[in-house]
């Protein structure tokens, strides 16, 4: 069951990376979604049979197909999407922020959900090392972290060998990026992992980030919105926009904040292109 869930999550992360990075630039509208739907049907048997050998073959074929899909040679602002885990990944909870960003002329960059799994597991290691938690919990978490790292290797290799996609940032680097901003002992909600994701995005050149939180989630406000001032100080030019998502929140207000952030992002892209053309 654990192996099946891991393969399913890895496929999900891979498709998310490929679709979000390809769809804004596709020559033929709908081609990316069609390729995604085709491959989704083709990998279902692999999720059921749990064959890692078949997973590796599929990963390389999937990346190749997306990598060779015709795309336009245009530059669009990249916008990172982070926040409370449900709001970040559920289109229902975030009013389809990925679709909204693409309509506004951006490429959405959403960190892998496996990263949150790594964060949750590492917290067990930290609790044993610093808070007196059981050794057995630490050992179990350490084994799973190692297995996830091994499972990601073929995916990382295929992405790095492609023309259009980037590899997976090592888990240790995400953790190291969070340390100067927030203690690794902060494990409430998304804890130190949320600013760690933002640092990862900023270091990879994604300077525009939407940080989403439910209005009533105080821990998320602290580790998300509360860290933005320090991140702006550390990373000059960071365009960070906190947005509240709640059933009672105004969709129009959310869209206005996104468009305000996008206006700044587009100006920076235009300025960079003007400098390049000189």
C-alpha atoms as a PDB file:
ATOM      1  CA  UNK A   1       0.000   0.000   0.000  1.00  0.00           C
ATOM      2  CA  UNK A   2       2.836   2.427   0.863  1.00  0.00           C
ATOM      3  CA  UNK A   3       4.605   1.615  -2.405  1.00  0.00           C
ATOM      4  CA  UNK A   4       1.407   2.122  -4.409  1.00  0.00           C
ATOM      5  CA  UNK A   5       0.752   5.492  -2.734  1.00  0.00           C
ATOM      6  CA  UNK A   6       4.347   6.586  -3.352  1.00  0.00           C
ATOM      7  CA  UNK A   7       4.173   5.757  -7.071  1.00  0.00           C
ATOM      8  CA  UNK A   8       0.836   7.575  -7.354  1.00  0.00           C
ATOM      9  CA  UNK A   9       2.217  10.701  -5.642  1.00  0.00           C
ATOM     10  CA  UNK A  10       5.354  10.663  -7.798  1.00  0.00           C
ATOM     11  CA  UNK A  11       3.309  10.423 -10.989  1.00  0.00           C
ATOM     12  CA  UNK A  12       1.165  13.289  -9.716  1.00  0.00           C
ATOM     13  CA  UNK A  13       4.186  15.488  -9.053  1.00  0.00           C
ATOM     14  CA  UNK A  14       5.683  14.658 -12.443  1.00  0.00           C
ATOM     15  CA  UNK A  15       2.495  15.453 -14.378  1.00  0.00           C
ATOM     16  CA  UNK A  16       2.069  18.682 -12.412  1.00  0.00           C
ATOM     17  CA  UNK A  17       5.585  19.837 -13.291  1.00  0.00           C
ATOM     18  CA  UNK A  18       5.251  18.945 -16.963  1.00  0.00           C
ATOM     19  CA  UNK A  19       1.726  20.269 -17.537  1.00  0.00           C
ATOM     20  CA  UNK A  20       2.218  23.575 -15.715  1.00  0.00           C
ATOM     21  CA  UNK A  21       5.506  24.243 -17.492  1.00  0.00           C
ATOM     22  CA  UNK A  22       4.207  23.307 -20.953  1.00  0.00           C
ATOM     23  CA  UNK A  23       0.585  24.467 -21.149  1.00  0.00           C
ATOM     24  CA  UNK A  24       1.222  28.255 -21.092  1.00  0.00           C
ATOM     25  CA  UNK A  25       3.508  27.924 -24.135  1.00  0.00           C
ATOM     26  CA  UNK A  26       1.732  25.256 -26.238  1.00  0.00           C
ATOM     27  CA  UNK A  27       1.349  25.956 -29.956  1.00  0.00           C
ATOM     28  CA  UNK A  28      -1.866  23.957 -30.287  1.00  0.00           C
ATOM     29  CA  UNK A  29      -4.377  24.880 -27.593  1.00  0.00           C
ATOM     30  CA  UNK A  30      -5.427  21.811 -25.605  1.00  0.00           C
ATOM     31  CA  UNK A  31      -2.487  19.667 -26.726  1.00  0.00           C
ATOM     32  CA  UNK A  32      -0.920  19.566 -23.252  1.00  0.00           C
ATOM     33  CA  UNK A  33      -4.137  18.492 -21.519  1.00  0.00           C
ATOM     34  CA  UNK A  34      -4.756  15.854 -24.202  1.00  0.00           C
ATOM     35  CA  UNK A  35      -1.265  14.391 -23.724  1.00  0.00           C
ATOM     36  CA  UNK A  36      -1.740  14.443 -19.958  1.00  0.00           C
ATOM     37  CA  UNK A  37      -5.100  12.614 -20.205  1.00  0.00           C
ATOM     38  CA  UNK A  38      -3.563  10.002 -22.500  1.00  0.00           C
ATOM     39  CA  UNK A  39      -0.655   9.287 -20.162  1.00  0.00           C
ATOM     40  CA  UNK A  40      -2.892   9.296 -17.096  1.00  0.00           C
ATOM     41  CA  UNK A  41      -4.795   6.333 -18.541  1.00  0.00           C
ATOM     42  CA  UNK A  42      -1.564   4.583 -19.499  1.00  0.00           C
ATOM     43  CA  UNK A  43       0.041   4.768 -16.033  1.00  0.00           C
ATOM     44  CA  UNK A  44      -2.989   3.536 -14.063  1.00  0.00           C
ATOM     45  CA  UNK A  45      -1.998  -0.158 -14.453  1.00  0.00           C
ATOM     46  CA  UNK A  46       1.468   0.672 -13.087  1.00  0.00           C
ATOM     47  CA  UNK A  47      -0.034   2.239  -9.956  1.00  0.00           C
ATOM     48  CA  UNK A  48      -1.980  -0.985  -9.451  1.00  0.00           C
ATOM     49  CA  UNK A  49       0.892  -3.423 -10.104  1.00  0.00           C
ATOM     50  CA  UNK A  50       3.433  -1.308  -8.147  1.00  0.00           C
ATOM     51  CA  UNK A  51       6.286  -2.154 -10.525  1.00  0.00           C
ATOM     52  CA  UNK A  52       9.128   0.309  -9.984  1.00  0.00           C
ATOM     53  CA  UNK A  53      10.860  -0.968 -13.124  1.00  0.00           C
ATOM     54  CA  UNK A  54       7.804  -0.044 -15.182  1.00  0.00           C
ATOM     55  CA  UNK A  55       7.630   3.293 -13.352  1.00  0.00           C
ATOM     56  CA  UNK A  56      11.162   4.154 -14.495  1.00  0.00           C
ATOM     57  CA  UNK A  57      10.357   3.300 -18.110  1.00  0.00           C
ATOM     58  CA  UNK A  58       7.169   5.357 -18.025  1.00  0.00           C
ATOM     59  CA  UNK A  59       8.859   8.362 -16.452  1.00  0.00           C
ATOM     60  CA  UNK A  60      11.416   8.670 -19.246  1.00  0.00           C
ATOM     61  CA  UNK A  61       8.748   8.217 -21.928  1.00  0.00           C
ATOM     62  CA  UNK A  62       6.440  10.786 -20.317  1.00  0.00           C
ATOM     63  CA  UNK A  63       9.170  13.417 -20.038  1.00  0.00           C
ATOM     64  CA  UNK A  64      10.217  12.767 -23.652  1.00  0.00           C
ATOM     65  CA  UNK A  65       6.641  13.243 -24.930  1.00  0.00           C
ATOM     66  CA  UNK A  66       6.138  16.523 -23.074  1.00  0.00           C
ATOM     67  CA  UNK A  67       9.627  17.709 -23.963  1.00  0.00           C
ATOM     68  CA  UNK A  68       8.938  17.282 -27.686  1.00  0.00           C
ATOM     69  CA  UNK A  69       5.501  18.910 -27.650  1.00  0.00           C
ATOM     70  CA  UNK A  70       5.602  22.042 -29.880  1.00  0.00           C
ATOM     71  CA  UNK A  71       5.849  25.221 -27.786  1.00  0.00           C
ATOM     72  CA  UNK A  72       6.142  28.941 -28.498  1.00  0.00           C
ATOM     73  CA  UNK A  73       9.391  30.778 -27.827  1.00  0.00           C
ATOM     74  CA  UNK A  74       7.987  33.444 -25.488  1.00  0.00           C
ATOM     75  CA  UNK A  75       8.912  34.627 -22.001  1.00  0.00           C
ATOM     76  CA  UNK A  76       6.247  34.659 -19.311  1.00  0.00           C
ATOM     77  CA  UNK A  77       6.488  35.543 -15.612  1.00  0.00           C
ATOM     78  CA  UNK A  78       6.851  32.494 -13.380  1.00  0.00           C
ATOM     79  CA  UNK A  79       4.652  32.589 -10.275  1.00  0.00           C
ATOM     80  CA  UNK A  80       5.217  30.227  -7.376  1.00  0.00           C
ATOM     81  CA  UNK A  81       2.161  28.921  -5.540  1.00  0.00           C
ATOM     82  CA  UNK A  82       2.634  28.049  -1.856  1.00  0.00           C
ATOM     83  CA  UNK A  83       0.543  28.017   1.302  1.00  0.00           C
ATOM     84  CA  UNK A  84      -1.597  25.788   3.483  1.00  0.00           C
ATOM     85  CA  UNK A  85      -1.474  22.325   1.953  1.00  0.00           C
ATOM     86  CA  UNK A  86      -5.186  21.924   1.099  1.00  0.00           C
ATOM     87  CA  UNK A  87      -5.542  25.436  -0.309  1.00  0.00           C
ATOM     88  CA  UNK A  88      -2.337  25.027  -2.324  1.00  0.00           C
ATOM     89  CA  UNK A  89      -3.343  21.845  -4.149  1.00  0.00           C
ATOM     90  CA  UNK A  90      -7.154  21.923  -4.327  1.00  0.00           C
ATOM     91  CA  UNK A  91      -8.608  23.955  -7.228  1.00  0.00           C
ATOM     92  CA  UNK A  92     -11.896  24.064  -5.314  1.00  0.00           C
ATOM     93  CA  UNK A  93     -10.249  25.618  -2.250  1.00  0.00           C
ATOM     94  CA  UNK A  94      -8.085  28.107  -4.197  1.00  0.00           C
ATOM     95  CA  UNK A  95     -10.606  29.014  -6.931  1.00  0.00           C
ATOM     96  CA  UNK A  96      -8.361  27.381  -9.555  1.00  0.00           C
ATOM     97  CA  UNK A  97      -5.423  29.713  -8.993  1.00  0.00           C
ATOM     98  CA  UNK A  98      -3.303  27.884 -11.583  1.00  0.00           C
ATOM     99  CA  UNK A  99      -5.914  28.505 -14.265  1.00  0.00           C
ATOM    100  CA  UNK A 100      -6.241  32.115 -13.128  1.00  0.00           C
ATOM    101  CA  UNK A 101      -2.510  32.713 -13.323  1.00  0.00           C
ATOM    102  CA  UNK A 102      -2.327  31.187 -16.795  1.00  0.00           C
ATOM    103  CA  UNK A 103      -5.198  33.397 -17.987  1.00  0.00           C
ATOM    104  CA  UNK A 104      -3.302  36.404 -16.612  1.00  0.00           C
ATOM    105  CA  UNK A 105      -0.258  35.450 -18.694  1.00  0.00           C
ATOM    106  CA  UNK A 106       1.900  33.591 -16.167  1.00  0.00           C
ATOM    107  CA  UNK A 107       3.423  30.163 -15.729  1.00  0.00           C
ATOM    108  CA  UNK A 108       2.418  28.639 -12.388  1.00  0.00           C
ATOM    109  CA  UNK A 109       5.124  26.824 -10.423  1.00  0.00           C
ATOM    110  CA  UNK A 110       3.673  24.579  -7.706  1.00  0.00           C
ATOM    111  CA  UNK A 111       6.141  22.715  -5.450  1.00  0.00           C
ATOM    112  CA  UNK A 112       5.811  18.913  -5.310  1.00  0.00           C
ATOM    113  CA  UNK A 113       3.454  17.357  -2.756  1.00  0.00           C
ATOM    114  CA  UNK A 114       6.180  14.799  -1.985  1.00  0.00           C
ATOM    115  CA  UNK A 115       8.067  17.686  -0.396  1.00  0.00           C
ATOM    116  CA  UNK A 116       5.332  17.981   2.241  1.00  0.00           C
ATOM    117  CA  UNK A 117       5.629  14.243   2.868  1.00  0.00           C
ATOM    118  CA  UNK A 118       9.390  14.652   3.380  1.00  0.00           C
ATOM    119  CA  UNK A 119       8.748  17.532   5.777  1.00  0.00           C
ATOM    120  CA  UNK A 120       6.280  15.483   7.827  1.00  0.00           C
ATOM    121  CA  UNK A 121       8.710  12.561   8.025  1.00  0.00           C
ATOM    122  CA  UNK A 122      11.717  14.710   8.916  1.00  0.00           C
ATOM    123  CA  UNK A 123       9.758  16.192  11.822  1.00  0.00           C
ATOM    124  CA  UNK A 124       9.858  12.715  13.433  1.00  0.00           C
ATOM    125  CA  UNK A 125      13.648  12.724  13.097  1.00  0.00           C
ATOM    126  CA  UNK A 126      13.864  16.189  14.669  1.00  0.00           C
ATOM    127  CA  UNK A 127      11.541  15.227  17.525  1.00  0.00           C
ATOM    128  CA  UNK A 128      13.786  12.295  18.434  1.00  0.00           C
ATOM    129  CA  UNK A 129      17.003  14.319  18.173  1.00  0.00           C
ATOM    130  CA  UNK A 130      15.818  17.378  20.102  1.00  0.00           C
ATOM    131  CA  UNK A 131      12.539  16.652  21.903  1.00  0.00           C
ATOM    132  CA  UNK A 132      12.970  13.134  23.282  1.00  0.00           C
ATOM    133  CA  UNK A 133      10.592  11.321  20.938  1.00  0.00           C
ATOM    134  CA  UNK A 134      10.853   7.554  20.439  1.00  0.00           C
ATOM    135  CA  UNK A 135      13.801   6.129  18.510  1.00  0.00           C
ATOM    136  CA  UNK A 136      11.467   3.813  16.584  1.00  0.00           C
ATOM    137  CA  UNK A 137       9.588   6.761  15.044  1.00  0.00           C
ATOM    138  CA  UNK A 138      12.862   8.329  13.952  1.00  0.00           C
ATOM    139  CA  UNK A 139      14.111   5.101  12.368  1.00  0.00           C
ATOM    140  CA  UNK A 140      10.849   4.520  10.498  1.00  0.00           C
ATOM    141  CA  UNK A 141      10.846   8.104   9.174  1.00  0.00           C
ATOM    142  CA  UNK A 142      14.515   7.902   8.139  1.00  0.00           C
ATOM    143  CA  UNK A 143      13.863   4.709   6.142  1.00  0.00           C
ATOM    144  CA  UNK A 144      10.889   6.268   4.336  1.00  0.00           C
ATOM    145  CA  UNK A 145      12.895   9.415   3.542  1.00  0.00           C
ATOM    146  CA  UNK A 146      15.599   7.262   1.982  1.00  0.00           C
ATOM    147  CA  UNK A 147      13.048   5.274  -0.041  1.00  0.00           C
ATOM    148  CA  UNK A 148      11.440   8.456  -1.368  1.00  0.00           C
ATOM    149  CA  UNK A 149      14.849   9.801  -2.366  1.00  0.00           C
ATOM    150  CA  UNK A 150      15.590   6.591  -4.264  1.00  0.00           C
ATOM    151  CA  UNK A 151      12.171   6.607  -5.941  1.00  0.00           C
ATOM    152  CA  UNK A 152      12.663  10.188  -7.154  1.00  0.00           C
ATOM    153  CA  UNK A 153      16.006   9.443  -8.832  1.00  0.00           C
ATOM    154  CA  UNK A 154      14.679   8.250 -12.234  1.00  0.00           C
ATOM    155  CA  UNK A 155      12.276  11.181 -12.337  1.00  0.00           C
ATOM    156  CA  UNK A 156      15.056  13.631 -11.515  1.00  0.00           C
ATOM    157  CA  UNK A 157      17.372  12.086 -14.119  1.00  0.00           C
ATOM    158  CA  UNK A 158      14.725  12.284 -16.849  1.00  0.00           C
ATOM    159  CA  UNK A 159      13.913  15.917 -16.045  1.00  0.00           C
ATOM    160  CA  UNK A 160      17.574  16.976 -15.994  1.00  0.00           C
ATOM    161  CA  UNK A 161      18.206  15.253 -19.337  1.00  0.00           C
ATOM    162  CA  UNK A 162      15.324  17.152 -20.983  1.00  0.00           C
ATOM    163  CA  UNK A 163      15.498  20.433 -22.918  1.00  0.00           C
ATOM    164  CA  UNK A 164      12.716  22.309 -21.149  1.00  0.00           C
ATOM    165  CA  UNK A 165      12.442  21.053 -17.573  1.00  0.00           C
ATOM    166  CA  UNK A 166      14.435  21.385 -14.361  1.00  0.00           C
ATOM    167  CA  UNK A 167      15.427  18.621 -11.960  1.00  0.00           C
ATOM    168  CA  UNK A 168      14.204  18.086  -8.414  1.00  0.00           C
ATOM    169  CA  UNK A 169      15.813  20.261  -5.746  1.00  0.00           C
ATOM    170  CA  UNK A 170      17.485  17.967  -3.171  1.00  0.00           C
ATOM    171  CA  UNK A 171      15.528  17.752   0.058  1.00  0.00           C
ATOM    172  CA  UNK A 172      18.556  18.805   2.119  1.00  0.00           C
ATOM    173  CA  UNK A 173      18.751  22.090   0.185  1.00  0.00           C
ATOM    174  CA  UNK A 174      15.126  22.931   0.938  1.00  0.00           C
ATOM    175  CA  UNK A 175      15.773  22.321   4.613  1.00  0.00           C
ATOM    176  CA  UNK A 176      18.982  24.366   4.564  1.00  0.00           C
ATOM    177  CA  UNK A 177      17.158  27.262   2.901  1.00  0.00           C
ATOM    178  CA  UNK A 178      14.580  27.365   5.684  1.00  0.00           C
ATOM    179  CA  UNK A 179      17.076  27.405   8.587  1.00  0.00           C
ATOM    180  CA  UNK A 180      18.096  31.100   8.376  1.00  0.00           C
ATOM    181  CA  UNK A 181      14.430  32.143   8.275  1.00  0.00           C
ATOM    182  CA  UNK A 182      12.684  29.881  10.798  1.00  0.00           C
ATOM    183  CA  UNK A 183      13.704  27.228  13.327  1.00  0.00           C
ATOM    184  CA  UNK A 184      13.278  23.630  12.192  1.00  0.00           C
ATOM    185  CA  UNK A 185      11.532  23.119  15.523  1.00  0.00           C
ATOM    186  CA  UNK A 186       8.543  25.029  14.187  1.00  0.00           C
ATOM    187  CA  UNK A 187       6.328  22.148  13.067  1.00  0.00           C
ATOM    188  CA  UNK A 188       2.826  23.580  13.501  1.00  0.00           C
ATOM    189  CA  UNK A 189       0.868  23.279  10.274  1.00  0.00           C
ATOM    190  CA  UNK A 190       3.269  23.770   7.356  1.00  0.00           C
ATOM    191  CA  UNK A 191       5.883  24.982   9.861  1.00  0.00           C
ATOM    192  CA  UNK A 192       9.377  25.724   8.575  1.00  0.00           C
ATOM    193  CA  UNK A 193       8.591  23.958   5.305  1.00  0.00           C
ATOM    194  CA  UNK A 194       6.491  26.853   3.961  1.00  0.00           C
ATOM    195  CA  UNK A 195       9.278  29.468   4.069  1.00  0.00           C
ATOM    196  CA  UNK A 196      11.630  26.707   2.901  1.00  0.00           C
ATOM    197  CA  UNK A 197       9.524  26.289  -0.248  1.00  0.00           C
ATOM    198  CA  UNK A 198       9.571  30.047  -0.862  1.00  0.00           C
ATOM    199  CA  UNK A 199      13.365  30.142  -0.510  1.00  0.00           C
ATOM    200  CA  UNK A 200      13.635  27.217  -2.956  1.00  0.00           C
ATOM    201  CA  UNK A 201      11.502  29.109  -5.494  1.00  0.00           C
ATOM    202  CA  UNK A 202      13.426  32.376  -5.068  1.00  0.00           C
ATOM    203  CA  UNK A 203      16.779  30.634  -5.453  1.00  0.00           C
ATOM    204  CA  UNK A 204      15.580  28.958  -8.648  1.00  0.00           C
ATOM    205  CA  UNK A 205      14.644  32.296 -10.214  1.00  0.00           C
ATOM    206  CA  UNK A 206      10.915  32.317  -9.415  1.00  0.00           C
ATOM    207  CA  UNK A 207      10.708  35.805  -7.890  1.00  0.00           C
ATOM    208  CA  UNK A 208       6.896  36.070  -7.907  1.00  0.00           C
ATOM    209  CA  UNK A 209       5.076  34.048  -5.249  1.00  0.00           C
ATOM    210  CA  UNK A 210       1.476  33.815  -4.090  1.00  0.00           C
ATOM    211  CA  UNK A 211       1.298  32.692  -0.446  1.00  0.00           C
ATOM    212  CA  UNK A 212      -2.183  31.383   0.359  1.00  0.00           C
ATOM    213  CA  UNK A 213      -3.718  30.816   3.760  1.00  0.00           C
ATOM    214  CA  UNK A 214      -7.193  30.124   5.162  1.00  0.00           C
ATOM    215  CA  UNK A 215      -8.325  33.187   7.124  1.00  0.00           C
ATOM    216  CA  UNK A 216      -8.718  31.280  10.389  1.00  0.00           C
ATOM    217  CA  UNK A 217      -5.453  29.294  10.219  1.00  0.00           C
ATOM    218  CA  UNK A 218      -3.222  31.255  12.619  1.00  0.00           C
ATOM    219  CA  UNK A 219      -0.142  28.951  12.319  1.00  0.00           C
ATOM    220  CA  UNK A 220      -0.180  29.349   8.544  1.00  0.00           C
ATOM    221  CA  UNK A 221      -0.392  33.131   8.829  1.00  0.00           C
ATOM    222  CA  UNK A 222       2.687  33.074  11.073  1.00  0.00           C
ATOM    223  CA  UNK A 223       4.912  30.772   8.997  1.00  0.00           C
ATOM    224  CA  UNK A 224       3.632  32.126   5.673  1.00  0.00           C
ATOM    225  CA  UNK A 225       2.611  35.771   5.725  1.00  0.00           C
ATOM    226  CA  UNK A 226       4.747  36.399   8.818  1.00  0.00           C
ATOM    227  CA  UNK A 227       7.954  35.394   7.005  1.00  0.00           C
ATOM    228  CA  UNK A 228       7.492  37.630   3.946  1.00  0.00           C
ATOM    229  CA  UNK A 229       9.232  40.683   5.388  1.00  0.00           C
ATOM    230  CA  UNK A 230      12.387  38.696   6.147  1.00  0.00           C
ATOM    231  CA  UNK A 231      12.315  37.058   2.706  1.00  0.00           C
ATOM    232  CA  UNK A 232      11.952  40.453   0.994  1.00  0.00           C
ATOM    233  CA  UNK A 233      14.925  41.706   3.004  1.00  0.00           C
ATOM    234  CA  UNK A 234      17.054  38.696   2.087  1.00  0.00           C
ATOM    235  CA  UNK A 235      15.983  38.421  -1.570  1.00  0.00           C
ATOM    236  CA  UNK A 236      15.870  41.838  -3.205  1.00  0.00           C
ATOM    237  CA  UNK A 237      13.197  42.173  -5.853  1.00  0.00           C
ATOM    238  CA  UNK A 238      11.042  39.367  -4.467  1.00  0.00           C
ATOM    239  CA  UNK A 239       7.423  39.970  -5.498  1.00  0.00           C
ATOM    240  CA  UNK A 240       5.493  38.206  -2.706  1.00  0.00           C
ATOM    241  CA  UNK A 241       1.712  38.384  -2.375  1.00  0.00           C
ATOM    242  CA  UNK A 242      -0.175  36.914   0.633  1.00  0.00           C
ATOM    243  CA  UNK A 243      -3.821  36.112  -0.147  1.00  0.00           C
ATOM    244  CA  UNK A 244      -6.522  34.822   2.201  1.00  0.00           C
ATOM    245  CA  UNK A 245      -8.709  31.974   0.939  1.00  0.00           C
ATOM    246  CA  UNK A 246     -11.882  31.216   2.856  1.00  0.00           C
ATOM    247  CA  UNK A 247     -15.469  30.336   1.873  1.00  0.00           C
ATOM    248  CA  UNK A 248     -16.490  33.882   2.754  1.00  0.00           C
ATOM    249  CA  UNK A 249     -13.557  35.600   1.021  1.00  0.00           C
ATOM    250  CA  UNK A 250     -14.253  37.779  -1.996  1.00  0.00           C
ATOM    251  CA  UNK A 251     -13.142  36.160  -5.263  1.00  0.00           C
ATOM    252  CA  UNK A 252     -12.948  39.620  -6.830  1.00  0.00           C
ATOM    253  CA  UNK A 253     -10.603  40.785  -4.069  1.00  0.00           C
ATOM    254  CA  UNK A 254      -8.379  37.720  -4.568  1.00  0.00           C
ATOM    255  CA  UNK A 255      -8.263  38.360  -8.316  1.00  0.00           C
ATOM    256  CA  UNK A 256      -7.354  42.021  -7.763  1.00  0.00           C
ATOM    257  CA  UNK A 257      -4.386  41.048  -5.569  1.00  0.00           C
ATOM    258  CA  UNK A 258      -3.231  38.522  -8.186  1.00  0.00           C
ATOM    259  CA  UNK A 259      -3.481  41.131 -10.940  1.00  0.00           C
ATOM    260  CA  UNK A 260      -1.551  43.639  -8.835  1.00  0.00           C
ATOM    261  CA  UNK A 261       1.246  41.098  -8.391  1.00  0.00           C
ATOM    262  CA  UNK A 262       1.120  40.211 -12.098  1.00  0.00           C
ATOM    263  CA  UNK A 263       1.433  43.877 -13.111  1.00  0.00           C
ATOM    264  CA  UNK A 264       4.744  44.064 -11.231  1.00  0.00           C
ATOM    265  CA  UNK A 265       5.873  40.700 -12.616  1.00  0.00           C
ATOM    266  CA  UNK A 266       5.148  41.710 -16.221  1.00  0.00           C
ATOM    267  CA  UNK A 267       7.014  45.011 -15.809  1.00  0.00           C
ATOM    268  CA  UNK A 268      10.094  43.128 -14.629  1.00  0.00           C
ATOM    269  CA  UNK A 269       9.935  40.729 -17.586  1.00  0.00           C
ATOM    270  CA  UNK A 270       9.552  43.646 -20.019  1.00  0.00           C
ATOM    271  CA  UNK A 271      12.478  45.507 -18.421  1.00  0.00           C
ATOM    272  CA  UNK A 272      14.669  42.406 -18.607  1.00  0.00           C
ATOM    273  CA  UNK A 273      13.807  41.825 -22.274  1.00  0.00           C
ATOM    274  CA  UNK A 274      14.563  45.487 -23.075  1.00  0.00           C
ATOM    275  CA  UNK A 275      18.005  45.180 -21.490  1.00  0.00           C
ATOM    276  CA  UNK A 276      18.664  41.919 -23.365  1.00  0.00           C
ATOM    277  CA  UNK A 277      17.705  43.399 -26.738  1.00  0.00           C
ATOM    278  CA  UNK A 278      20.042  46.408 -26.340  1.00  0.00           C
END
